[in-house]
C-alpha atoms as a PDB file:
ATOM      1  CA  UNK A   1      69.357  33.749  -1.994  1.00  0.00           C
ATOM      2  CA  UNK A   2      72.247  34.560  -4.181  1.00  0.00           C
ATOM      3  CA  UNK A   3      71.879  34.639  -8.001  1.00  0.00           C
ATOM      4  CA  UNK A   4      74.689  32.197  -8.451  1.00  0.00           C
ATOM      5  CA  UNK A   5      75.002  30.023  -5.225  1.00  0.00           C
ATOM      6  CA  UNK A   6      78.426  28.797  -4.292  1.00  0.00           C
ATOM      7  CA  UNK A   7      79.355  25.119  -4.881  1.00  0.00           C
ATOM      8  CA  UNK A   8      80.490  22.676  -2.266  1.00  0.00           C
ATOM      9  CA  UNK A   9      83.950  24.128  -2.489  1.00  0.00           C
ATOM     10  CA  UNK A  10      82.717  27.707  -1.827  1.00  0.00           C
ATOM     11  CA  UNK A  11      83.331  28.924  -5.399  1.00  0.00           C
ATOM     12  CA  UNK A  12      80.312  30.616  -7.138  1.00  0.00           C
ATOM     13  CA  UNK A  13      78.884  28.408  -9.924  1.00  0.00           C
ATOM     14  CA  UNK A  14      77.186  29.380 -13.180  1.00  0.00           C
ATOM     15  CA  UNK A  15      73.973  27.644 -12.145  1.00  0.00           C
ATOM     16  CA  UNK A  16      71.373  30.203 -11.238  1.00  0.00           C
ATOM     17  CA  UNK A  17      69.234  29.945  -8.134  1.00  0.00           C
ATOM     18  CA  UNK A  18      65.572  28.820  -8.480  1.00  0.00           C
ATOM     19  CA  UNK A  19      64.136  32.286  -7.795  1.00  0.00           C
ATOM     20  CA  UNK A  20      66.291  33.730 -10.579  1.00  0.00           C
ATOM     21  CA  UNK A  21      65.216  30.940 -12.952  1.00  0.00           C
ATOM     22  CA  UNK A  22      61.575  31.613 -12.240  1.00  0.00           C
ATOM     23  CA  UNK A  23      62.044  35.337 -12.673  1.00  0.00           C
ATOM     24  CA  UNK A  24      63.855  34.868 -15.930  1.00  0.00           C
ATOM     25  CA  UNK A  25      61.376  32.447 -17.237  1.00  0.00           C
ATOM     26  CA  UNK A  26      58.330  34.598 -16.585  1.00  0.00           C
ATOM     27  CA  UNK A  27      60.120  37.702 -17.890  1.00  0.00           C
ATOM     28  CA  UNK A  28      60.874  36.012 -21.239  1.00  0.00           C
ATOM     29  CA  UNK A  29      57.099  35.971 -22.008  1.00  0.00           C
ATOM     30  CA  UNK A  30      54.645  38.679 -22.799  1.00  0.00           C
ATOM     31  CA  UNK A  31      52.459  40.060 -19.926  1.00  0.00           C
ATOM     32  CA  UNK A  32      49.304  37.855 -19.384  1.00  0.00           C
ATOM     33  CA  UNK A  33      47.393  41.131 -19.074  1.00  0.00           C
ATOM     34  CA  UNK A  34      47.851  41.697 -22.823  1.00  0.00           C
ATOM     35  CA  UNK A  35      44.802  40.463 -24.627  1.00  0.00           C
ATOM     36  CA  UNK A  36      46.616  40.304 -28.036  1.00  0.00           C
ATOM     37  CA  UNK A  37      49.086  37.888 -26.562  1.00  0.00           C
ATOM     38  CA  UNK A  38      46.208  35.563 -25.600  1.00  0.00           C
ATOM     39  CA  UNK A  39      44.731  35.949 -29.047  1.00  0.00           C
ATOM     40  CA  UNK A  40      48.071  35.055 -30.678  1.00  0.00           C
ATOM     41  CA  UNK A  41      48.463  32.119 -28.404  1.00  0.00           C
ATOM     42  CA  UNK A  42      44.961  30.881 -29.076  1.00  0.00           C
ATOM     43  CA  UNK A  43      45.538  30.805 -32.746  1.00  0.00           C
ATOM     44  CA  UNK A  44      47.912  27.794 -32.299  1.00  0.00           C
ATOM     45  CA  UNK A  45      46.419  24.314 -32.161  1.00  0.00           C
ATOM     46  CA  UNK A  46      48.027  23.532 -28.836  1.00  0.00           C
ATOM     47  CA  UNK A  47      46.961  26.930 -27.383  1.00  0.00           C
ATOM     48  CA  UNK A  48      43.268  26.476 -28.226  1.00  0.00           C
ATOM     49  CA  UNK A  49      43.341  22.833 -26.983  1.00  0.00           C
ATOM     50  CA  UNK A  50      44.877  23.734 -23.623  1.00  0.00           C
ATOM     51  CA  UNK A  51      42.656  26.724 -23.032  1.00  0.00           C
ATOM     52  CA  UNK A  52      39.704  24.367 -23.568  1.00  0.00           C
ATOM     53  CA  UNK A  53      41.369  21.786 -21.294  1.00  0.00           C
ATOM     54  CA  UNK A  54      41.610  24.345 -18.505  1.00  0.00           C
ATOM     55  CA  UNK A  55      37.779  25.025 -18.790  1.00  0.00           C
ATOM     56  CA  UNK A  56      37.125  21.212 -18.964  1.00  0.00           C
ATOM     57  CA  UNK A  57      39.179  20.354 -15.882  1.00  0.00           C
ATOM     58  CA  UNK A  58      38.253  23.397 -13.883  1.00  0.00           C
ATOM     59  CA  UNK A  59      34.591  22.484 -14.388  1.00  0.00           C
ATOM     60  CA  UNK A  60      35.256  18.816 -13.643  1.00  0.00           C
ATOM     61  CA  UNK A  61      37.029  19.942 -10.389  1.00  0.00           C
ATOM     62  CA  UNK A  62      34.082  22.020  -9.365  1.00  0.00           C
ATOM     63  CA  UNK A  63      31.701  19.019 -10.185  1.00  0.00           C
ATOM     64  CA  UNK A  64      33.875  16.881  -7.738  1.00  0.00           C
ATOM     65  CA  UNK A  65      34.005  19.683  -5.250  1.00  0.00           C
ATOM     66  CA  UNK A  66      30.122  20.133  -5.022  1.00  0.00           C
ATOM     67  CA  UNK A  67      29.739  16.334  -4.983  1.00  0.00           C
ATOM     68  CA  UNK A  68      32.347  15.368  -2.510  1.00  0.00           C
ATOM     69  CA  UNK A  69      33.345  18.399  -0.393  1.00  0.00           C
ATOM     70  CA  UNK A  70      30.389  20.832  -0.296  1.00  0.00           C
ATOM     71  CA  UNK A  71      27.656  18.508  -0.735  1.00  0.00           C
ATOM     72  CA  UNK A  72      24.064  19.711  -0.885  1.00  0.00           C
ATOM     73  CA  UNK A  73      24.207  21.560  -4.107  1.00  0.00           C
ATOM     74  CA  UNK A  74      23.408  19.048  -6.833  1.00  0.00           C
ATOM     75  CA  UNK A  75      22.425  21.741  -9.400  1.00  0.00           C
ATOM     76  CA  UNK A  76      25.888  23.378  -9.367  1.00  0.00           C
ATOM     77  CA  UNK A  77      27.538  19.857  -9.487  1.00  0.00           C
ATOM     78  CA  UNK A  78      25.325  18.852 -12.489  1.00  0.00           C
ATOM     79  CA  UNK A  79      26.037  22.149 -14.219  1.00  0.00           C
ATOM     80  CA  UNK A  80      29.788  21.856 -13.744  1.00  0.00           C
ATOM     81  CA  UNK A  81      29.783  18.248 -14.940  1.00  0.00           C
ATOM     82  CA  UNK A  82      27.798  19.184 -18.069  1.00  0.00           C
ATOM     83  CA  UNK A  83      30.222  21.968 -18.941  1.00  0.00           C
ATOM     84  CA  UNK A  84      33.077  19.555 -18.377  1.00  0.00           C
ATOM     85  CA  UNK A  85      31.600  16.961 -20.691  1.00  0.00           C
ATOM     86  CA  UNK A  86      30.845  19.463 -23.465  1.00  0.00           C
ATOM     87  CA  UNK A  87      34.382  20.744 -23.491  1.00  0.00           C
ATOM     88  CA  UNK A  88      35.902  17.387 -23.350  1.00  0.00           C
ATOM     89  CA  UNK A  89      33.949  16.462 -26.494  1.00  0.00           C
ATOM     90  CA  UNK A  90      34.929  19.728 -28.161  1.00  0.00           C
ATOM     91  CA  UNK A  91      38.620  19.047 -27.654  1.00  0.00           C
ATOM     92  CA  UNK A  92      38.383  15.765 -29.555  1.00  0.00           C
ATOM     93  CA  UNK A  93      37.800  17.752 -32.762  1.00  0.00           C
ATOM     94  CA  UNK A  94      41.106  19.605 -32.403  1.00  0.00           C
ATOM     95  CA  UNK A  95      42.940  16.303 -32.383  1.00  0.00           C
ATOM     96  CA  UNK A  96      41.770  14.758 -35.608  1.00  0.00           C
ATOM     97  CA  UNK A  97      44.838  13.561 -37.518  1.00  0.00           C
ATOM     98  CA  UNK A  98      47.107  14.722 -34.795  1.00  0.00           C
ATOM     99  CA  UNK A  99      48.861  11.386 -34.933  1.00  0.00           C
ATOM    100  CA  UNK A 100      50.375  12.491 -38.215  1.00  0.00           C
ATOM    101  CA  UNK A 101      52.527  15.090 -36.303  1.00  0.00           C
ATOM    102  CA  UNK A 102      53.966  12.403 -34.196  1.00  0.00           C
ATOM    103  CA  UNK A 103      54.719  10.225 -37.178  1.00  0.00           C
ATOM    104  CA  UNK A 104      56.648  13.144 -38.731  1.00  0.00           C
ATOM    105  CA  UNK A 105      58.536  13.634 -35.536  1.00  0.00           C
ATOM    106  CA  UNK A 106      59.476   9.947 -35.305  1.00  0.00           C
ATOM    107  CA  UNK A 107      60.794  10.060 -38.913  1.00  0.00           C
ATOM    108  CA  UNK A 108      62.740  13.123 -38.067  1.00  0.00           C
ATOM    109  CA  UNK A 109      64.416  11.450 -35.028  1.00  0.00           C
ATOM    110  CA  UNK A 110      65.214   8.241 -36.988  1.00  0.00           C
ATOM    111  CA  UNK A 111      66.711  10.287 -39.978  1.00  0.00           C
ATOM    112  CA  UNK A 112      68.884  12.327 -37.720  1.00  0.00           C
ATOM    113  CA  UNK A 113      70.066   9.153 -35.763  1.00  0.00           C
ATOM    114  CA  UNK A 114      71.264   7.601 -39.169  1.00  0.00           C
ATOM    115  CA  UNK A 115      70.790   4.152 -37.836  1.00  0.00           C
ATOM    116  CA  UNK A 116      72.396   4.713 -34.433  1.00  0.00           C
ATOM    117  CA  UNK A 117      69.730   3.647 -31.951  1.00  0.00           C
ATOM    118  CA  UNK A 118      71.043   5.198 -28.694  1.00  0.00           C
ATOM    119  CA  UNK A 119      69.120   5.626 -25.484  1.00  0.00           C
ATOM    120  CA  UNK A 120      67.934   9.063 -26.491  1.00  0.00           C
ATOM    121  CA  UNK A 121      66.615   7.881 -29.787  1.00  0.00           C
ATOM    122  CA  UNK A 122      64.673   5.041 -28.111  1.00  0.00           C
ATOM    123  CA  UNK A 123      63.217   7.306 -25.608  1.00  0.00           C
ATOM    124  CA  UNK A 124      62.135   9.932 -28.121  1.00  0.00           C
ATOM    125  CA  UNK A 125      60.633   7.404 -30.496  1.00  0.00           C
ATOM    126  CA  UNK A 126      58.791   5.734 -27.645  1.00  0.00           C
ATOM    127  CA  UNK A 127      57.481   9.096 -26.482  1.00  0.00           C
ATOM    128  CA  UNK A 128      56.166  10.118 -29.841  1.00  0.00           C
ATOM    129  CA  UNK A 129      54.778   6.630 -30.523  1.00  0.00           C
ATOM    130  CA  UNK A 130      52.809   6.765 -27.229  1.00  0.00           C
ATOM    131  CA  UNK A 131      51.328  10.075 -28.204  1.00  0.00           C
ATOM    132  CA  UNK A 132      50.502   8.715 -31.673  1.00  0.00           C
ATOM    133  CA  UNK A 133      48.802   5.790 -30.074  1.00  0.00           C
ATOM    134  CA  UNK A 134      46.728   8.135 -27.849  1.00  0.00           C
ATOM    135  CA  UNK A 135      45.744  10.377 -30.874  1.00  0.00           C
ATOM    136  CA  UNK A 136      44.730   7.352 -32.869  1.00  0.00           C
ATOM    137  CA  UNK A 137      42.580   5.937 -30.142  1.00  0.00           C
ATOM    138  CA  UNK A 138      41.127   9.393 -29.503  1.00  0.00           C
ATOM    139  CA  UNK A 139      40.199   9.850 -33.172  1.00  0.00           C
ATOM    140  CA  UNK A 140      38.698   6.362 -33.299  1.00  0.00           C
ATOM    141  CA  UNK A 141      36.517   7.057 -30.211  1.00  0.00           C
ATOM    142  CA  UNK A 142      35.405  10.356 -31.763  1.00  0.00           C
ATOM    143  CA  UNK A 143      34.524   8.674 -35.110  1.00  0.00           C
ATOM    144  CA  UNK A 144      32.546   6.035 -33.174  1.00  0.00           C
ATOM    145  CA  UNK A 145      30.788   8.604 -31.040  1.00  0.00           C
ATOM    146  CA  UNK A 146      29.797  10.471 -34.168  1.00  0.00           C
ATOM    147  CA  UNK A 147      27.822   7.390 -35.223  1.00  0.00           C
ATOM    148  CA  UNK A 148      29.852   6.855 -38.352  1.00  0.00           C
ATOM    149  CA  UNK A 149      30.840   3.357 -37.256  1.00  0.00           C
ATOM    150  CA  UNK A 150      29.876   3.435 -33.761  1.00  0.00           C
ATOM    151  CA  UNK A 151      26.953   2.348 -31.535  1.00  0.00           C
ATOM    152  CA  UNK A 152      24.398   4.634 -33.123  1.00  0.00           C
ATOM    153  CA  UNK A 153      25.094   2.914 -36.442  1.00  0.00           C
ATOM    154  CA  UNK A 154      23.721  -0.210 -34.964  1.00  0.00           C
ATOM    155  CA  UNK A 155      20.366   1.532 -34.164  1.00  0.00           C
ATOM    156  CA  UNK A 156      17.789  -1.055 -33.520  1.00  0.00           C
ATOM    157  CA  UNK A 157      20.465  -3.773 -32.869  1.00  0.00           C
ATOM    158  CA  UNK A 158      21.039  -3.791 -29.086  1.00  0.00           C
ATOM    159  CA  UNK A 159      23.597  -6.471 -29.155  1.00  0.00           C
ATOM    160  CA  UNK A 160      25.641  -4.816 -31.809  1.00  0.00           C
ATOM    161  CA  UNK A 161      25.434  -1.479 -30.158  1.00  0.00           C
ATOM    162  CA  UNK A 162      26.718  -3.009 -26.873  1.00  0.00           C
ATOM    163  CA  UNK A 163      29.493  -4.764 -28.654  1.00  0.00           C
ATOM    164  CA  UNK A 164      30.647  -1.620 -30.448  1.00  0.00           C
ATOM    165  CA  UNK A 165      30.391   0.387 -27.149  1.00  0.00           C
ATOM    166  CA  UNK A 166      32.643  -2.197 -25.496  1.00  0.00           C
ATOM    167  CA  UNK A 167      35.223  -1.937 -28.427  1.00  0.00           C
ATOM    168  CA  UNK A 168      35.100   1.944 -27.982  1.00  0.00           C
ATOM    169  CA  UNK A 169      35.924   1.541 -24.229  1.00  0.00           C
ATOM    170  CA  UNK A 170      38.802  -0.930 -25.056  1.00  0.00           C
ATOM    171  CA  UNK A 171      40.227   1.621 -27.652  1.00  0.00           C
ATOM    172  CA  UNK A 172      40.024   4.371 -25.066  1.00  0.00           C
ATOM    173  CA  UNK A 173      41.793   2.235 -22.440  1.00  0.00           C
ATOM    174  CA  UNK A 174      44.565   1.392 -24.929  1.00  0.00           C
ATOM    175  CA  UNK A 175      45.025   5.134 -25.679  1.00  0.00           C
ATOM    176  CA  UNK A 176      45.322   5.972 -21.981  1.00  0.00           C
ATOM    177  CA  UNK A 177      48.077   3.295 -21.662  1.00  0.00           C
ATOM    178  CA  UNK A 178      49.841   4.657 -24.688  1.00  0.00           C
ATOM    179  CA  UNK A 179      49.839   8.139 -23.204  1.00  0.00           C
ATOM    180  CA  UNK A 180      51.147   6.795 -19.866  1.00  0.00           C
ATOM    181  CA  UNK A 181      54.066   5.262 -21.746  1.00  0.00           C
ATOM    182  CA  UNK A 182      54.643   8.547 -23.476  1.00  0.00           C
ATOM    183  CA  UNK A 183      54.559  10.400 -20.142  1.00  0.00           C
ATOM    184  CA  UNK A 184      57.191   8.003 -18.733  1.00  0.00           C
ATOM    185  CA  UNK A 185      59.432   8.547 -21.633  1.00  0.00           C
ATOM    186  CA  UNK A 186      59.016  12.234 -21.558  1.00  0.00           C
ATOM    187  CA  UNK A 187      59.800  12.279 -17.830  1.00  0.00           C
ATOM    188  CA  UNK A 188      63.081  10.555 -18.369  1.00  0.00           C
ATOM    189  CA  UNK A 189      63.923  12.833 -21.293  1.00  0.00           C
ATOM    190  CA  UNK A 190      62.975  15.957 -19.421  1.00  0.00           C
ATOM    191  CA  UNK A 191      65.056  15.107 -16.343  1.00  0.00           C
ATOM    192  CA  UNK A 192      67.977  14.303 -18.517  1.00  0.00           C
ATOM    193  CA  UNK A 193      67.608  17.737 -20.098  1.00  0.00           C
ATOM    194  CA  UNK A 194      67.789  19.431 -16.758  1.00  0.00           C
ATOM    195  CA  UNK A 195      70.699  17.444 -15.553  1.00  0.00           C
ATOM    196  CA  UNK A 196      72.720  18.009 -18.799  1.00  0.00           C
ATOM    197  CA  UNK A 197      71.984  21.719 -18.810  1.00  0.00           C
ATOM    198  CA  UNK A 198      73.110  21.968 -15.138  1.00  0.00           C
ATOM    199  CA  UNK A 199      76.282  20.186 -16.082  1.00  0.00           C
ATOM    200  CA  UNK A 200      76.886  22.541 -19.037  1.00  0.00           C
ATOM    201  CA  UNK A 201      76.437  25.605 -16.759  1.00  0.00           C
ATOM    202  CA  UNK A 202      78.678  24.172 -14.072  1.00  0.00           C
ATOM    203  CA  UNK A 203      81.653  23.926 -16.569  1.00  0.00           C
ATOM    204  CA  UNK A 204      80.741  26.937 -18.707  1.00  0.00           C
ATOM    205  CA  UNK A 205      82.758  29.852 -17.159  1.00  0.00           C
ATOM    206  CA  UNK A 206      81.514  32.079 -19.976  1.00  0.00           C
ATOM    207  CA  UNK A 207      78.076  32.233 -18.466  1.00  0.00           C
ATOM    208  CA  UNK A 208      79.454  33.235 -14.986  1.00  0.00           C
ATOM    209  CA  UNK A 209      81.788  35.790 -16.468  1.00  0.00           C
ATOM    210  CA  UNK A 210      79.621  36.824 -19.354  1.00  0.00           C
ATOM    211  CA  UNK A 211      77.057  39.545 -19.631  1.00  0.00           C
ATOM    212  CA  UNK A 212      73.688  39.731 -17.840  1.00  0.00           C
ATOM    213  CA  UNK A 213      71.796  38.960 -21.089  1.00  0.00           C
ATOM    214  CA  UNK A 214      73.645  35.672 -21.499  1.00  0.00           C
ATOM    215  CA  UNK A 215      72.891  34.668 -17.813  1.00  0.00           C
ATOM    216  CA  UNK A 216      69.228  35.614 -18.163  1.00  0.00           C
ATOM    217  CA  UNK A 217      68.908  33.569 -21.418  1.00  0.00           C
ATOM    218  CA  UNK A 218      70.468  30.445 -19.678  1.00  0.00           C
ATOM    219  CA  UNK A 219      68.173  31.029 -16.674  1.00  0.00           C
ATOM    220  CA  UNK A 220      65.036  31.153 -18.952  1.00  0.00           C
ATOM    221  CA  UNK A 221      66.174  28.017 -20.744  1.00  0.00           C
ATOM    222  CA  UNK A 222      66.607  26.211 -17.340  1.00  0.00           C
ATOM    223  CA  UNK A 223      63.003  27.321 -16.426  1.00  0.00           C
ATOM    224  CA  UNK A 224      61.596  25.769 -19.655  1.00  0.00           C
ATOM    225  CA  UNK A 225      63.461  22.582 -18.916  1.00  0.00           C
ATOM    226  CA  UNK A 226      62.125  22.444 -15.309  1.00  0.00           C
ATOM    227  CA  UNK A 227      58.573  23.104 -16.693  1.00  0.00           C
ATOM    228  CA  UNK A 228      58.971  19.974 -19.051  1.00  0.00           C
ATOM    229  CA  UNK A 229      59.695  17.866 -15.815  1.00  0.00           C
ATOM    230  CA  UNK A 230      56.639  19.400 -14.159  1.00  0.00           C
ATOM    231  CA  UNK A 231      54.410  18.588 -17.143  1.00  0.00           C
ATOM    232  CA  UNK A 232      55.738  14.971 -17.475  1.00  0.00           C
ATOM    233  CA  UNK A 233      55.026  14.338 -13.714  1.00  0.00           C
ATOM    234  CA  UNK A 234      51.616  15.846 -14.041  1.00  0.00           C
ATOM    235  CA  UNK A 235      50.828  13.720 -17.162  1.00  0.00           C
ATOM    236  CA  UNK A 236      52.059  10.672 -15.570  1.00  0.00           C
ATOM    237  CA  UNK A 237      49.950  11.203 -12.374  1.00  0.00           C
ATOM    238  CA  UNK A 238      46.891  12.096 -14.360  1.00  0.00           C
ATOM    239  CA  UNK A 239      46.914   9.389 -16.992  1.00  0.00           C
ATOM    240  CA  UNK A 240      48.357   6.801 -14.548  1.00  0.00           C
ATOM    241  CA  UNK A 241      45.172   7.349 -12.454  1.00  0.00           C
ATOM    242  CA  UNK A 242      43.163   6.309 -15.447  1.00  0.00           C
ATOM    243  CA  UNK A 243      45.060   3.101 -15.833  1.00  0.00           C
ATOM    244  CA  UNK A 244      46.188   1.995 -12.382  1.00  0.00           C
ATOM    245  CA  UNK A 245      44.250   0.349  -9.699  1.00  0.00           C
ATOM    246  CA  UNK A 246      45.360   2.701  -6.914  1.00  0.00           C
ATOM    247  CA  UNK A 247      43.364   5.816  -7.532  1.00  0.00           C
ATOM    248  CA  UNK A 248      43.973   9.213  -6.416  1.00  0.00           C
ATOM    249  CA  UNK A 249      41.019  11.571  -5.857  1.00  0.00           C
ATOM    250  CA  UNK A 250      39.260  13.056  -8.850  1.00  0.00           C
ATOM    251  CA  UNK A 251      40.059  16.489  -7.544  1.00  0.00           C
ATOM    252  CA  UNK A 252      43.802  15.787  -7.424  1.00  0.00           C
ATOM    253  CA  UNK A 253      43.678  14.371 -10.950  1.00  0.00           C
ATOM    254  CA  UNK A 254      42.172  17.541 -12.076  1.00  0.00           C
ATOM    255  CA  UNK A 255      44.782  19.685 -10.370  1.00  0.00           C
ATOM    256  CA  UNK A 256      47.496  17.722 -12.187  1.00  0.00           C
ATOM    257  CA  UNK A 257      45.682  18.112 -15.550  1.00  0.00           C
ATOM    258  CA  UNK A 258      45.468  21.847 -14.948  1.00  0.00           C
ATOM    259  CA  UNK A 259      49.163  22.097 -14.176  1.00  0.00           C
ATOM    260  CA  UNK A 260      49.990  20.189 -17.340  1.00  0.00           C
ATOM    261  CA  UNK A 261      47.743  22.486 -19.437  1.00  0.00           C
ATOM    262  CA  UNK A 262      49.409  25.590 -17.749  1.00  0.00           C
ATOM    263  CA  UNK A 263      52.851  24.541 -18.789  1.00  0.00           C
ATOM    264  CA  UNK A 264      51.801  24.175 -22.406  1.00  0.00           C
ATOM    265  CA  UNK A 265      50.064  27.670 -22.295  1.00  0.00           C
ATOM    266  CA  UNK A 266      53.306  29.107 -21.081  1.00  0.00           C
ATOM    267  CA  UNK A 267      55.282  27.579 -23.892  1.00  0.00           C
ATOM    268  CA  UNK A 268      52.805  28.772 -26.524  1.00  0.00           C
ATOM    269  CA  UNK A 269      52.553  32.199 -25.137  1.00  0.00           C
ATOM    270  CA  UNK A 270      54.333  34.958 -27.148  1.00  0.00           C
ATOM    271  CA  UNK A 271      57.870  35.799 -26.186  1.00  0.00           C
ATOM    272  CA  UNK A 272      58.578  39.278 -24.775  1.00  0.00           C
ATOM    273  CA  UNK A 273      60.088  41.665 -27.405  1.00  0.00           C
ATOM    274  CA  UNK A 274      63.394  41.742 -25.538  1.00  0.00           C
ATOM    275  CA  UNK A 275      63.276  38.361 -23.931  1.00  0.00           C
ATOM    276  CA  UNK A 276      66.454  36.418 -23.552  1.00  0.00           C
ATOM    277  CA  UNK A 277      65.000  33.852 -26.026  1.00  0.00           C
ATOM    278  CA  UNK A 278      64.937  36.537 -28.728  1.00  0.00           C
ATOM    279  CA  UNK A 279      68.224  38.252 -27.842  1.00  0.00           C
END
């Protein structure tokens, strides 16, 4: 496949082919074989969270596999489920107060808009508000599970404990719906980003006639935009499965969650010293 495939008119375009985009995107990051790169990435909040998420959902996938596909090994299934549950609980501590980040983002979007509420502004605010709703519900569920105000605080009062447990489940369900809304908004925004970038490349003769570094930089940018689409689709499928009535298999949901985590790990991974993004 050519690096710059011809358009319908037969004239080469500035839009790179998919293999070129993938190569440029991967080349823009440090080698995954470098331990220091993983250390640097894990020092970020999102990096730690997504590494933990990979362990959580990989273990959950194995639990599902040993229960549904390769049955007859209850010990392996139980072990995998236990690891998944432990890492799921551990991830919640990373997210305490995370909703404040989304609040700051919402303020930044509104201040930049200066009162002009266009489609992009509504989508961005909706996306960040959905994330904030999920973080708030997640924080509340953690506090209740820690027995600060939750079921264990009603020790000896069975009815109160059951009522608080029910409240906790409703809060978690509301958080899942909030994340689903955020994923929907994010999907629209990410698709818009890809389409707009393609239109820019189509009309930018400077990319086609420019130097190789410029073309690689645009290809790497396009890769990041495509990954945003992949992440949004994965999040929508995963969280939609928690909310909707038509369920996909637990194994498929785990795969979508792992793909979503992998996209964030890529974004948080250190750039290569001479990557197009740093040029």
